[in-house]
Amino acid sequence: MAEEAGKRPQFVPLTENLYVLEVQDAISEMGTTYDGKGEQEQIVITFKVLKPLDGGDLIDIEGNYPTSDTMKVWCNPAAVGFNRKTNQPHKTRQVLTAILGVPVESPIEIEGWDDLIGKKVKAYISLTTRPDGSKGNKLDKFSPFDAKKK
């Protein structure tokens, strides 16, 4: 792919697969509420994509090594429970319990967001189409990573 001087290479999404990820950073910052009408605290977790769980190569949808191997997830620290209607865990609960390596029903005990750095999880990376029509990736289906089980 030809690059113009000073421009970042265009992002090409990773292939859909179950991956092993490692937390690189976790910070608290103010962000926009879901409805866009206010502000709320959010936790931004940066993951490094290490490898597909099936042992294959880390490649993008064009069959090349990726231009980026990091992905971010924005979590609402106030939404660590279960949806009242569906009884499904909120995304923040799914992500944090996976990182901590505990069942999704377990209490979440974190002293500081830095405690998450270096921990590994499994997550499904899917393809998505952005509003502008470009392709992207989405992290979903987080679960604890057990190096013994894979």
Protein backbone atom coordinates (compact mmCIF):
# COMPACT_ATOMS: atom_id res chain seq x y z
CA MET A 1 0.00 0.00 0.00
CA ALA A 2 1.44 3.35 -1.02
CA GLU A 3 1.64 5.94 1.76
CA GLU A 4 1.80 9.70 1.46
CA ALA A 5 4.47 11.42 3.54
CA GLY A 6 3.20 12.26 7.01
CA LYS A 7 -0.02 10.23 6.73
CA ARG A 8 -0.81 7.19 8.81
CA PRO A 9 -1.44 3.97 6.92
CA GLN A 10 -5.13 3.21 6.42
CA PHE A 11 -6.51 0.84 9.04
CA VAL A 12 -7.38 -2.60 7.70
CA PRO A 13 -9.50 -4.68 10.12
CA LEU A 14 -8.35 -7.96 11.60
CA THR A 15 -10.01 -11.18 10.50
CA GLU A 16 -12.98 -12.39 12.56
CA ASN A 17 -11.78 -14.85 15.15
CA LEU A 18 -11.41 -15.56 18.86
CA TYR A 19 -8.24 -13.84 20.09
CA VAL A 20 -6.02 -13.59 23.15
CA LEU A 21 -5.68 -9.97 24.29
CA GLU A 22 -3.55 -8.32 26.97
CA VAL A 23 -4.48 -5.15 28.86
CA GLN A 24 -1.92 -2.45 28.03
CA ASP A 25 -3.60 0.47 29.78
CA ALA A 26 -6.72 1.31 31.78
CA ILE A 27 -7.57 4.92 32.56
CA SER A 28 -10.52 6.84 33.92
CA GLU A 29 -11.70 9.87 31.94
CA MET A 30 -14.83 11.90 31.43
CA GLY A 31 -16.86 11.04 28.36
CA THR A 32 -20.25 11.59 26.81
CA THR A 33 -23.28 9.69 28.11
CA TYR A 34 -24.90 7.11 25.85
CA ASP A 35 -27.65 9.57 24.86
CA GLY A 36 -25.05 12.28 24.14
CA LYS A 37 -26.71 14.75 26.50
CA GLY A 38 -24.24 14.78 29.37
CA GLU A 39 -20.94 13.60 30.78
CA GLN A 40 -20.01 10.59 32.85
CA GLU A 41 -16.90 8.80 33.99
CA GLN A 42 -15.73 6.07 31.67
CA ILE A 43 -12.91 3.59 31.83
CA VAL A 44 -10.88 3.29 28.64
CA ILE A 45 -9.15 -0.08 28.43
CA THR A 46 -6.50 -0.54 25.75
CA PHE A 47 -5.82 -4.12 24.67
CA LYS A 48 -2.91 -5.47 22.65
CA VAL A 49 -4.12 -8.24 20.35
CA LEU A 50 -1.60 -11.04 20.90
CA LYS A 51 -2.76 -13.91 18.70
CA PRO A 52 -5.77 -15.86 17.49
CA LEU A 53 -6.74 -18.54 19.99
CA ASP A 54 -6.56 -21.17 17.23
CA GLY A 55 -2.80 -20.54 16.91
CA GLY A 56 -2.97 -18.92 13.47
CA ASP A 57 -1.14 -15.79 12.43
CA LEU A 58 -2.29 -12.32 13.41
CA ILE A 59 -3.43 -10.99 10.02
CA ASP A 60 -5.86 -8.45 8.63
CA ILE A 61 -8.69 -9.16 6.18
CA GLU A 62 -6.29 -8.60 3.26
CA GLY A 63 -3.95 -11.34 4.54
CA ASN A 64 -1.24 -8.93 5.75
CA TYR A 65 0.23 -8.28 9.16
CA PRO A 66 -1.92 -5.58 10.78
CA THR A 67 -1.03 -1.88 10.80
CA SER A 68 -2.30 -1.77 14.40
CA ASP A 69 -2.52 -4.48 17.04
CA THR A 70 -4.28 -2.44 19.72
CA MET A 71 -7.99 -1.98 20.35
CA LYS A 72 -9.89 0.05 22.95
CA VAL A 73 -13.03 -0.60 24.93
CA TRP A 74 -14.96 2.12 26.74
CA CYS A 75 -16.68 0.92 29.92
CA ASN A 76 -19.14 2.61 32.26
CA PRO A 77 -18.00 1.95 35.86
CA ALA A 78 -21.55 2.62 37.06
CA ALA A 79 -22.93 -0.24 34.91
CA VAL A 80 -21.35 -3.31 36.46
CA GLY A 81 -24.57 -5.18 37.13
CA PHE A 82 -27.08 -7.09 35.05
CA ASN A 83 -29.72 -5.80 32.64
CA ARG A 84 -33.05 -5.73 34.48
CA LYS A 85 -35.04 -6.89 31.45
CA THR A 86 -32.77 -9.61 30.05
CA ASN A 87 -30.74 -10.48 33.17
CA GLN A 88 -27.66 -10.43 30.92
CA PRO A 89 -24.48 -8.88 32.33
CA HIS A 90 -23.68 -5.34 31.21
CA LYS A 91 -20.63 -5.04 28.91
CA THR A 92 -18.56 -3.48 31.70
CA ARG A 93 -19.23 -6.53 33.93
CA GLN A 94 -18.34 -8.92 31.08
CA VAL A 95 -15.06 -7.13 30.38
CA LEU A 96 -13.95 -6.69 34.01
CA THR A 97 -14.79 -10.22 35.17
CA ALA A 98 -12.98 -11.64 32.12
CA ILE A 99 -9.90 -9.55 32.89
CA LEU A 100 -10.00 -10.58 36.56
CA GLY A 101 -10.44 -14.23 35.57
CA VAL A 102 -13.59 -14.76 37.60
CA PRO A 103 -17.11 -15.96 36.70
CA VAL A 104 -19.42 -13.19 35.49
CA GLU A 105 -21.61 -13.59 38.61
CA SER A 106 -18.65 -12.93 40.95
CA PRO A 107 -18.07 -9.69 42.84
CA ILE A 108 -15.76 -7.24 41.05
CA GLU A 109 -12.90 -6.25 43.32
CA ILE A 110 -10.41 -3.74 41.92
CA GLU A 111 -8.26 -1.39 43.99
CA GLY A 112 -7.07 0.66 41.01
CA TRP A 113 -7.39 0.52 37.24
CA ASP A 114 -3.62 -0.15 36.99
CA ASP A 115 -4.34 -3.55 38.59
CA LEU A 116 -5.74 -4.64 35.21
CA ILE A 117 -2.54 -4.00 33.23
CA GLY A 118 -0.82 -7.15 31.99
CA LYS A 119 -3.85 -9.41 32.46
CA LYS A 120 -5.05 -11.50 29.52
CA VAL A 121 -8.53 -12.27 28.21
CA LYS A 122 -10.18 -14.04 25.32
CA ALA A 123 -12.48 -11.99 23.11
CA TYR A 124 -14.14 -12.36 19.75
CA ILE A 125 -13.15 -9.75 17.19
CA SER A 126 -15.85 -9.28 14.57
CA LEU A 127 -16.08 -7.13 11.45
CA THR A 128 -18.37 -4.13 11.47
CA THR A 129 -19.34 -1.45 8.98
CA ARG A 130 -18.94 2.11 10.24
CA PRO A 131 -21.44 4.91 9.46
CA ASP A 132 -19.10 6.19 6.72
CA GLY A 133 -19.14 2.75 5.05
CA SER A 134 -15.59 1.78 6.02
CA LYS A 135 -14.85 -1.53 7.70
CA GLY A 136 -13.78 -1.83 11.32
CA ASN A 137 -13.51 -4.30 14.16
CA LYS A 138 -15.59 -4.78 17.28
CA LEU A 139 -14.57 -6.58 20.47
CA ASP A 140 -17.23 -8.87 21.91
CA LYS A 141 -17.80 -12.03 23.95
CA PHE A 142 -15.12 -11.48 26.57
CA SER A 143 -14.12 -14.45 28.73
CA PRO A 144 -11.28 -15.25 31.13
CA PHE A 145 -8.05 -16.53 29.59
CA ASP A 146 -6.60 -19.65 31.10
CA ALA A 147 -3.16 -20.37 29.60
CA LYS A 148 -3.50 -24.04 30.56
CA LYS A 149 -6.83 -24.55 28.76
CA LYS A 150 -6.50 -22.07 25.86
